[in-house]
Amino acid sequence: MGKVKSVPKRQYTDEFKLEAVRLAESIGGNQAAKRLGIPDSSMWNWMRLSRKGKLKAEGGRASPVRRTVACGGNWRTPRWIGRL
């Protein structure tokens, strides 16, 4: 058995989390986590917080802002953001 590759600790904005939850609601939590390159556990925690109403962007709601994320050392805007 090989070693499990760990994901470095990252900080995400509430706005990113809300957009990720929206994506998860449309395609499923596991698929969204895989597409975004985030741990499944983070996605499920954000979905749980969103259902409880405890996950809010600054100003109380998420705006459709294009985010830039790290992808293998390169910076890019994810394609899924335009589809939400």
PDB file of N, CA and C in Angstrom:
ATOM      1  N   MET A   1       0.825  -1.171   0.000  1.00  0.00           N
ATOM      2  CA  MET A   1       0.000   0.000   0.000  1.00  0.00           C
ATOM      3  C   MET A   1       0.872   1.237   0.000  1.00  0.00           C
ATOM      4  N   GLY A   2       0.522   2.238  -0.822  1.00  0.00           N
ATOM      5  CA  GLY A   2       1.281   3.472  -0.881  1.00  0.00           C
ATOM      6  C   GLY A   2       0.825   4.478   0.156  1.00  0.00           C
ATOM      7  N   LYS A   3       1.607   5.511   0.300  1.00  0.00           N
ATOM      8  CA  LYS A   3       1.250   6.566   1.239  1.00  0.00           C
ATOM      9  C   LYS A   3       0.083   7.381   0.686  1.00  0.00           C
ATOM     10  N   VAL A   4      -0.753   7.847   1.577  1.00  0.00           N
ATOM     11  CA  VAL A   4      -1.855   8.706   1.193  1.00  0.00           C
ATOM     12  C   VAL A   4      -1.309  10.116   1.055  1.00  0.00           C
ATOM     13  N   LYS A   5      -1.589  10.727  -0.074  1.00  0.00           N
ATOM     14  CA  LYS A   5      -1.105  12.087  -0.319  1.00  0.00           C
ATOM     15  C   LYS A   5      -1.952  13.072   0.484  1.00  0.00           C
ATOM     16  N   SER A   6      -1.320  13.828   1.360  1.00  0.00           N
ATOM     17  CA  SER A   6      -2.067  14.774   2.177  1.00  0.00           C
ATOM     18  C   SER A   6      -2.195  16.115   1.460  1.00  0.00           C
ATOM     19  N   VAL A   7      -3.273  16.795   1.757  1.00  0.00           N
ATOM     20  CA  VAL A   7      -3.532  18.106   1.189  1.00  0.00           C
ATOM     21  C   VAL A   7      -3.045  19.139   2.186  1.00  0.00           C
ATOM     22  N   PRO A   8      -2.241  20.116   1.745  1.00  0.00           N
ATOM     23  CA  PRO A   8      -1.781  21.131   2.692  1.00  0.00           C
ATOM     24  C   PRO A   8      -2.949  21.952   3.230  1.00  0.00           C
ATOM     25  N   LYS A   9      -2.810  22.435   4.450  1.00  0.00           N
ATOM     26  CA  LYS A   9      -3.869  23.229   5.066  1.00  0.00           C
ATOM     27  C   LYS A   9      -4.043  24.528   4.298  1.00  0.00           C
ATOM     28  N   ARG A  10      -5.267  24.792   3.900  1.00  0.00           N
ATOM     29  CA  ARG A  10      -5.575  26.007   3.142  1.00  0.00           C
ATOM     30  C   ARG A  10      -6.704  26.746   3.833  1.00  0.00           C
ATOM     31  N   GLN A  11      -6.759  28.030   3.586  1.00  0.00           N
ATOM     32  CA  GLN A  11      -7.868  28.830   4.093  1.00  0.00           C
ATOM     33  C   GLN A  11      -8.704  29.265   2.905  1.00  0.00           C
ATOM     34  N   TYR A  12     -10.011  29.108   3.027  1.00  0.00           N
ATOM     35  CA  TYR A  12     -10.936  29.451   1.957  1.00  0.00           C
ATOM     36  C   TYR A  12     -11.849  30.571   2.440  1.00  0.00           C
ATOM     37  N   THR A  13     -12.223  31.458   1.534  1.00  0.00           N
ATOM     38  CA  THR A  13     -13.153  32.520   1.899  1.00  0.00           C
ATOM     39  C   THR A  13     -14.551  31.940   2.021  1.00  0.00           C
ATOM     40  N   ASP A  14     -15.407  32.619   2.780  1.00  0.00           N
ATOM     41  CA  ASP A  14     -16.791  32.177   2.902  1.00  0.00           C
ATOM     42  C   ASP A  14     -17.486  32.204   1.548  1.00  0.00           C
ATOM     43  N   GLU A  15     -17.121  33.151   0.732  1.00  0.00           N
ATOM     44  CA  GLU A  15     -17.720  33.252  -0.598  1.00  0.00           C
ATOM     45  C   GLU A  15     -17.369  32.027  -1.446  1.00  0.00           C
ATOM     46  N   PHE A  16     -16.116  31.592  -1.375  1.00  0.00           N
ATOM     47  CA  PHE A  16     -15.694  30.392  -2.093  1.00  0.00           C
ATOM     48  C   PHE A  16     -16.468  29.178  -1.581  1.00  0.00           C
ATOM     49  N   LYS A  17     -16.625  29.099  -0.257  1.00  0.00           N
ATOM     50  CA  LYS A  17     -17.341  27.973   0.338  1.00  0.00           C
ATOM     51  C   LYS A  17     -18.783  27.925  -0.148  1.00  0.00           C
ATOM     52  N   LEU A  18     -19.438  29.089  -0.201  1.00  0.00           N
ATOM     53  CA  LEU A  18     -20.823  29.130  -0.662  1.00  0.00           C
ATOM     54  C   LEU A  18     -20.935  28.716  -2.125  1.00  0.00           C
ATOM     55  N   GLU A  19     -20.020  29.171  -2.948  1.00  0.00           N
ATOM     56  CA  GLU A  19     -20.030  28.781  -4.359  1.00  0.00           C
ATOM     57  C   GLU A  19     -19.773  27.284  -4.492  1.00  0.00           C
ATOM     58  N   ALA A  20     -18.889  26.750  -3.658  1.00  0.00           N
ATOM     59  CA  ALA A  20     -18.603  25.314  -3.677  1.00  0.00           C
ATOM     60  C   ALA A  20     -19.840  24.523  -3.264  1.00  0.00           C
ATOM     61  N   VAL A  21     -20.570  25.002  -2.265  1.00  0.00           N
ATOM     62  CA  VAL A  21     -21.795  24.336  -1.820  1.00  0.00           C
ATOM     63  C   VAL A  21     -22.836  24.362  -2.932  1.00  0.00           C
ATOM     64  N   ARG A  22     -22.949  25.472  -3.633  1.00  0.00           N
ATOM     65  CA  ARG A  22     -23.884  25.542  -4.768  1.00  0.00           C
ATOM     66  C   ARG A  22     -23.535  24.497  -5.824  1.00  0.00           C
ATOM     67  N   LEU A  23     -22.255  24.381  -6.114  1.00  0.00           N
ATOM     68  CA  LEU A  23     -21.818  23.379  -7.079  1.00  0.00           C
ATOM     69  C   LEU A  23     -22.147  21.979  -6.568  1.00  0.00           C
ATOM     70  N   ALA A  24     -21.895  21.744  -5.290  1.00  0.00           N
ATOM     71  CA  ALA A  24     -22.160  20.433  -4.698  1.00  0.00           C
ATOM     72  C   ALA A  24     -23.643  20.085  -4.754  1.00  0.00           C
ATOM     73  N   GLU A  25     -24.492  21.070  -4.578  1.00  0.00           N
ATOM     74  CA  GLU A  25     -25.927  20.820  -4.642  1.00  0.00           C
ATOM     75  C   GLU A  25     -26.369  20.444  -6.045  1.00  0.00           C
ATOM     76  N   SER A  26     -25.634  20.905  -7.056  1.00  0.00           N
ATOM     77  CA  SER A  26     -26.035  20.593  -8.426  1.00  0.00           C
ATOM     78  C   SER A  26     -25.416  19.294  -8.949  1.00  0.00           C
ATOM     79  N   ILE A  27     -24.176  18.974  -8.562  1.00  0.00           N
ATOM     80  CA  ILE A  27     -23.529  17.778  -9.108  1.00  0.00           C
ATOM     81  C   ILE A  27     -23.168  16.743  -8.052  1.00  0.00           C
ATOM     82  N   GLY A  28     -23.369  17.062  -6.783  1.00  0.00           N
ATOM     83  CA  GLY A  28     -23.033  16.128  -5.705  1.00  0.00           C
ATOM     84  C   GLY A  28     -21.763  16.540  -4.984  1.00  0.00           C
ATOM     85  N   GLY A  29     -21.731  16.252  -3.699  1.00  0.00           N
ATOM     86  CA  GLY A  29     -20.618  16.679  -2.853  1.00  0.00           C
ATOM     87  C   GLY A  29     -19.275  16.076  -3.231  1.00  0.00           C
ATOM     88  N   ASN A  30     -19.246  14.780  -3.497  1.00  0.00           N
ATOM     89  CA  ASN A  30     -17.977  14.141  -3.835  1.00  0.00           C
ATOM     90  C   ASN A  30     -17.421  14.652  -5.159  1.00  0.00           C
ATOM     91  N   GLN A  31     -18.295  14.782  -6.161  1.00  0.00           N
ATOM     92  CA  GLN A  31     -17.845  15.270  -7.467  1.00  0.00           C
ATOM     93  C   GLN A  31     -17.345  16.710  -7.366  1.00  0.00           C
ATOM     94  N   ALA A  32     -18.053  17.540  -6.603  1.00  0.00           N
ATOM     95  CA  ALA A  32     -17.655  18.938  -6.452  1.00  0.00           C
ATOM     96  C   ALA A  32     -16.295  19.031  -5.758  1.00  0.00           C
ATOM     97  N   ALA A  33     -16.100  18.247  -4.712  1.00  0.00           N
ATOM     98  CA  ALA A  33     -14.825  18.263  -3.991  1.00  0.00           C
ATOM     99  C   ALA A  33     -13.693  17.832  -4.909  1.00  0.00           C
ATOM    100  N   LYS A  34     -13.930  16.804  -5.686  1.00  0.00           N
ATOM    101  CA  LYS A  34     -12.907  16.322  -6.614  1.00  0.00           C
ATOM    102  C   LYS A  34     -12.598  17.377  -7.676  1.00  0.00           C
ATOM    103  N   ARG A  35     -13.635  17.998  -8.218  1.00  0.00           N
ATOM    104  CA  ARG A  35     -13.442  19.010  -9.254  1.00  0.00           C
ATOM    105  C   ARG A  35     -12.688  20.229  -8.733  1.00  0.00           C
ATOM    106  N   LEU A  36     -12.952  20.596  -7.476  1.00  0.00           N
ATOM    107  CA  LEU A  36     -12.300  21.767  -6.888  1.00  0.00           C
ATOM    108  C   LEU A  36     -10.959  21.450  -6.255  1.00  0.00           C
ATOM    109  N   GLY A  37     -10.674  20.168  -6.074  1.00  0.00           N
ATOM    110  CA  GLY A  37      -9.409  19.776  -5.465  1.00  0.00           C
ATOM    111  C   GLY A  37      -9.352  20.043  -3.977  1.00  0.00           C
ATOM    112  N   ILE A  38     -10.495  19.887  -3.317  1.00  0.00           N
ATOM    113  CA  ILE A  38     -10.554  20.098  -1.873  1.00  0.00           C
ATOM    114  C   ILE A  38     -10.922  18.776  -1.205  1.00  0.00           C
ATOM    115  N   PRO A  39     -10.613  18.613   0.073  1.00  0.00           N
ATOM    116  CA  PRO A  39     -10.972  17.385   0.777  1.00  0.00           C
ATOM    117  C   PRO A  39     -12.496  17.206   0.865  1.00  0.00           C
ATOM    118  N   ASP A  40     -12.952  15.954   0.740  1.00  0.00           N
ATOM    119  CA  ASP A  40     -14.387  15.657   0.848  1.00  0.00           C
ATOM    120  C   ASP A  40     -14.944  16.137   2.178  1.00  0.00           C
ATOM    121  N   SER A  41     -14.160  15.960   3.231  1.00  0.00           N
ATOM    122  CA  SER A  41     -14.642  16.338   4.564  1.00  0.00           C
ATOM    123  C   SER A  41     -14.924  17.839   4.654  1.00  0.00           C
ATOM    124  N   SER A  42     -14.106  18.644   3.995  1.00  0.00           N
ATOM    125  CA  SER A  42     -14.352  20.086   3.989  1.00  0.00           C
ATOM    126  C   SER A  42     -15.664  20.401   3.292  1.00  0.00           C
ATOM    127  N   MET A  43     -15.894  19.750   2.149  1.00  0.00           N
ATOM    128  CA  MET A  43     -17.133  19.991   1.401  1.00  0.00           C
ATOM    129  C   MET A  43     -18.354  19.628   2.234  1.00  0.00           C
ATOM    130  N   TRP A  44     -18.313  18.462   2.890  1.00  0.00           N
ATOM    131  CA  TRP A  44     -19.462  18.033   3.691  1.00  0.00           C
ATOM    132  C   TRP A  44     -19.676  18.951   4.889  1.00  0.00           C
ATOM    133  N   ASN A  45     -18.599  19.433   5.493  1.00  0.00           N
ATOM    134  CA  ASN A  45     -18.746  20.378   6.605  1.00  0.00           C
ATOM    135  C   ASN A  45     -19.390  21.676   6.131  1.00  0.00           C
ATOM    136  N   TRP A  46     -18.961  22.177   4.975  1.00  0.00           N
ATOM    137  CA  TRP A  46     -19.539  23.413   4.437  1.00  0.00           C
ATOM    138  C   TRP A  46     -21.014  23.217   4.093  1.00  0.00           C
ATOM    139  N   MET A  47     -21.360  22.069   3.549  1.00  0.00           N
ATOM    140  CA  MET A  47     -22.762  21.791   3.220  1.00  0.00           C
ATOM    141  C   MET A  47     -23.610  21.750   4.493  1.00  0.00           C
ATOM    142  N   ARG A  48     -23.055  21.137   5.545  1.00  0.00           N
ATOM    143  CA  ARG A  48     -23.768  21.077   6.825  1.00  0.00           C
ATOM    144  C   ARG A  48     -23.970  22.477   7.403  1.00  0.00           C
ATOM    145  N   LEU A  49     -22.908  23.299   7.375  1.00  0.00           N
ATOM    146  CA  LEU A  49     -23.015  24.672   7.880  1.00  0.00           C
ATOM    147  C   LEU A  49     -24.004  25.492   7.066  1.00  0.00           C
ATOM    148  N   SER A  50     -24.020  25.273   5.766  1.00  0.00           N
ATOM    149  CA  SER A  50     -24.941  25.996   4.902  1.00  0.00           C
ATOM    150  C   SER A  50     -26.394  25.647   5.233  1.00  0.00           C
ATOM    151  N   ARG A  51     -26.664  24.362   5.453  1.00  0.00           N
ATOM    152  CA  ARG A  51     -28.024  23.939   5.800  1.00  0.00           C
ATOM    153  C   ARG A  51     -28.478  24.556   7.115  1.00  0.00           C
ATOM    154  N   LYS A  52     -27.541  24.713   8.044  1.00  0.00           N
ATOM    155  CA  LYS A  52     -27.877  25.296   9.349  1.00  0.00           C
ATOM    156  C   LYS A  52     -27.942  26.819   9.291  1.00  0.00           C
ATOM    157  N   GLY A  53     -27.558  27.415   8.158  1.00  0.00           N
ATOM    158  CA  GLY A  53     -27.586  28.862   8.019  1.00  0.00           C
ATOM    159  C   GLY A  53     -26.397  29.555   8.660  1.00  0.00           C
ATOM    160  N   LYS A  54     -25.340  28.803   8.929  1.00  0.00           N
ATOM    161  CA  LYS A  54     -24.175  29.381   9.598  1.00  0.00           C
ATOM    162  C   LYS A  54     -23.054  29.760   8.637  1.00  0.00           C
ATOM    163  N   LEU A  55     -23.246  29.514   7.358  1.00  0.00           N
ATOM    164  CA  LEU A  55     -22.226  29.839   6.369  1.00  0.00           C
ATOM    165  C   LEU A  55     -22.733  30.988   5.526  1.00  0.00           C
ATOM    166  N   LYS A  56     -22.143  32.156   5.722  1.00  0.00           N
ATOM    167  CA  LYS A  56     -22.580  33.340   4.992  1.00  0.00           C
ATOM    168  C   LYS A  56     -21.378  34.113   4.505  1.00  0.00           C
ATOM    169  N   ALA A  57     -21.512  34.695   3.325  1.00  0.00           N
ATOM    170  CA  ALA A  57     -20.462  35.561   2.797  1.00  0.00           C
ATOM    171  C   ALA A  57     -20.588  36.923   3.460  1.00  0.00           C
ATOM    172  N   GLU A  58     -19.567  37.729   3.304  1.00  0.00           N
ATOM    173  CA  GLU A  58     -19.639  39.082   3.852  1.00  0.00           C
ATOM    174  C   GLU A  58     -20.823  39.781   3.209  1.00  0.00           C
ATOM    175  N   GLY A  59     -21.611  40.457   4.015  1.00  0.00           N
ATOM    176  CA  GLY A  59     -22.795  41.107   3.497  1.00  0.00           C
ATOM    177  C   GLY A  59     -24.018  40.195   3.544  1.00  0.00           C
ATOM    178  N   GLY A  60     -23.847  38.948   3.971  1.00  0.00           N
ATOM    179  CA  GLY A  60     -24.987  38.087   4.166  1.00  0.00           C
ATOM    180  C   GLY A  60     -25.315  37.148   3.029  1.00  0.00           C
ATOM    181  N   ARG A  61     -24.801  37.380   1.825  1.00  0.00           N
ATOM    182  CA  ARG A  61     -25.080  36.459   0.727  1.00  0.00           C
ATOM    183  C   ARG A  61     -23.915  36.423  -0.234  1.00  0.00           C
ATOM    184  N   ALA A  62     -23.840  35.373  -0.990  1.00  0.00           N
ATOM    185  CA  ALA A  62     -22.741  35.200  -1.937  1.00  0.00           C
ATOM    186  C   ALA A  62     -23.035  35.956  -3.223  1.00  0.00           C
ATOM    187  N   SER A  63     -22.033  36.558  -3.767  1.00  0.00           N
ATOM    188  CA  SER A  63     -22.174  37.192  -5.072  1.00  0.00           C
ATOM    189  C   SER A  63     -21.384  36.369  -6.077  1.00  0.00           C
ATOM    190  N   PRO A  64     -21.795  36.370  -7.325  1.00  0.00           N
ATOM    191  CA  PRO A  64     -21.101  35.550  -8.324  1.00  0.00           C
ATOM    192  C   PRO A  64     -19.775  36.165  -8.756  1.00  0.00           C
ATOM    193  N   VAL A  65     -18.817  36.147  -7.863  1.00  0.00           N
ATOM    194  CA  VAL A  65     -17.497  36.712  -8.128  1.00  0.00           C
ATOM    195  C   VAL A  65     -16.608  35.635  -8.705  1.00  0.00           C
ATOM    196  N   ARG A  66     -15.851  35.959  -9.730  1.00  0.00           N
ATOM    197  CA  ARG A  66     -14.911  35.001 -10.294  1.00  0.00           C
ATOM    198  C   ARG A  66     -13.703  34.919  -9.372  1.00  0.00           C
ATOM    199  N   ARG A  67     -13.406  33.748  -8.922  1.00  0.00           N
ATOM    200  CA  ARG A  67     -12.289  33.514  -8.017  1.00  0.00           C
ATOM    201  C   ARG A  67     -11.117  32.908  -8.770  1.00  0.00           C
ATOM    202  N   THR A  68      -9.938  33.180  -8.289  1.00  0.00           N
ATOM    203  CA  THR A  68      -8.742  32.566  -8.830  1.00  0.00           C
ATOM    204  C   THR A  68      -8.244  31.575  -7.799  1.00  0.00           C
ATOM    205  N   VAL A  69      -7.981  30.360  -8.226  1.00  0.00           N
ATOM    206  CA  VAL A  69      -7.547  29.313  -7.300  1.00  0.00           C
ATOM    207  C   VAL A  69      -6.242  28.703  -7.770  1.00  0.00           C
ATOM    208  N   ALA A  70      -5.534  28.126  -6.834  1.00  0.00           N
ATOM    209  CA  ALA A  70      -4.280  27.457  -7.166  1.00  0.00           C
ATOM    210  C   ALA A  70      -4.589  26.096  -7.770  1.00  0.00           C
ATOM    211  N   CYS A  71      -3.917  25.776  -8.831  1.00  0.00           N
ATOM    212  CA  CYS A  71      -4.117  24.478  -9.476  1.00  0.00           C
ATOM    213  C   CYS A  71      -2.754  23.948  -9.892  1.00  0.00           C
ATOM    214  N   GLY A  72      -2.180  23.106  -9.077  1.00  0.00           N
ATOM    215  CA  GLY A  72      -0.891  22.528  -9.408  1.00  0.00           C
ATOM    216  C   GLY A  72       0.217  23.560  -9.528  1.00  0.00           C
ATOM    217  N   GLY A  73       0.164  24.604  -8.741  1.00  0.00           N
ATOM    218  CA  GLY A  73       1.197  25.635  -8.798  1.00  0.00           C
ATOM    219  C   GLY A  73       0.883  26.759  -9.769  1.00  0.00           C
ATOM    220  N   ASN A  74      -0.122  26.557 -10.622  1.00  0.00           N
ATOM    221  CA  ASN A  74      -0.520  27.601 -11.566  1.00  0.00           C
ATOM    222  C   ASN A  74      -1.805  28.250 -11.079  1.00  0.00           C
ATOM    223  N   TRP A  75      -1.991  29.511 -11.395  1.00  0.00           N
ATOM    224  CA  TRP A  75      -3.204  30.218 -10.992  1.00  0.00           C
ATOM    225  C   TRP A  75      -4.132  30.304 -12.179  1.00  0.00           C
ATOM    226  N   ARG A  76      -5.397  29.979 -11.939  1.00  0.00           N
ATOM    227  CA  ARG A  76      -6.382  30.054 -13.007  1.00  0.00           C
ATOM    228  C   ARG A  76      -7.759  30.310 -12.415  1.00  0.00           C
ATOM    229  N   THR A  77      -8.684  30.715 -13.255  1.00  0.00           N
ATOM    230  CA  THR A  77     -10.065  30.864 -12.835  1.00  0.00           C
ATOM    231  C   THR A  77     -10.791  29.575 -13.187  1.00  0.00           C
ATOM    232  N   PRO A  78     -11.426  28.943 -12.216  1.00  0.00           N
ATOM    233  CA  PRO A  78     -12.087  27.677 -12.504  1.00  0.00           C
ATOM    234  C   PRO A  78     -13.254  27.841 -13.478  1.00  0.00           C
ATOM    235  N   ARG A  79     -13.451  26.849 -14.347  1.00  0.00           N
ATOM    236  CA  ARG A  79     -14.514  26.904 -15.340  1.00  0.00           C
ATOM    237  C   ARG A  79     -15.891  26.810 -14.731  1.00  0.00           C
ATOM    238  N   TRP A  80     -16.019  26.133 -13.590  1.00  0.00           N
ATOM    239  CA  TRP A  80     -17.346  25.901 -13.006  1.00  0.00           C
ATOM    240  C   TRP A  80     -17.992  27.170 -12.500  1.00  0.00           C
ATOM    241  N   ILE A  81     -17.213  28.205 -12.185  1.00  0.00           N
ATOM    242  CA  ILE A  81     -17.805  29.421 -11.590  1.00  0.00           C
ATOM    243  C   ILE A  81     -18.790  30.082 -12.536  1.00  0.00           C
ATOM    244  N   GLY A  82     -18.498  30.100 -13.819  1.00  0.00           N
ATOM    245  CA  GLY A  82     -19.399  30.717 -14.770  1.00  0.00           C
ATOM    246  C   GLY A  82     -20.703  29.962 -14.949  1.00  0.00           C
ATOM    247  N   ARG A  83     -20.742  28.687 -14.533  1.00  0.00           N
ATOM    248  CA  ARG A  83     -21.938  27.868 -14.723  1.00  0.00           C
ATOM    249  C   ARG A  83     -22.882  27.905 -13.551  1.00  0.00           C
ATOM    250  N   LEU A  84     -22.534  28.559 -12.459  1.00  0.00           N
ATOM    251  CA  LEU A  84     -23.401  28.565 -11.286  1.00  0.00           C
ATOM    252  C   LEU A  84     -24.500  29.570 -11.391  1.00  0.00           C
TER     253      LEU A  84
END
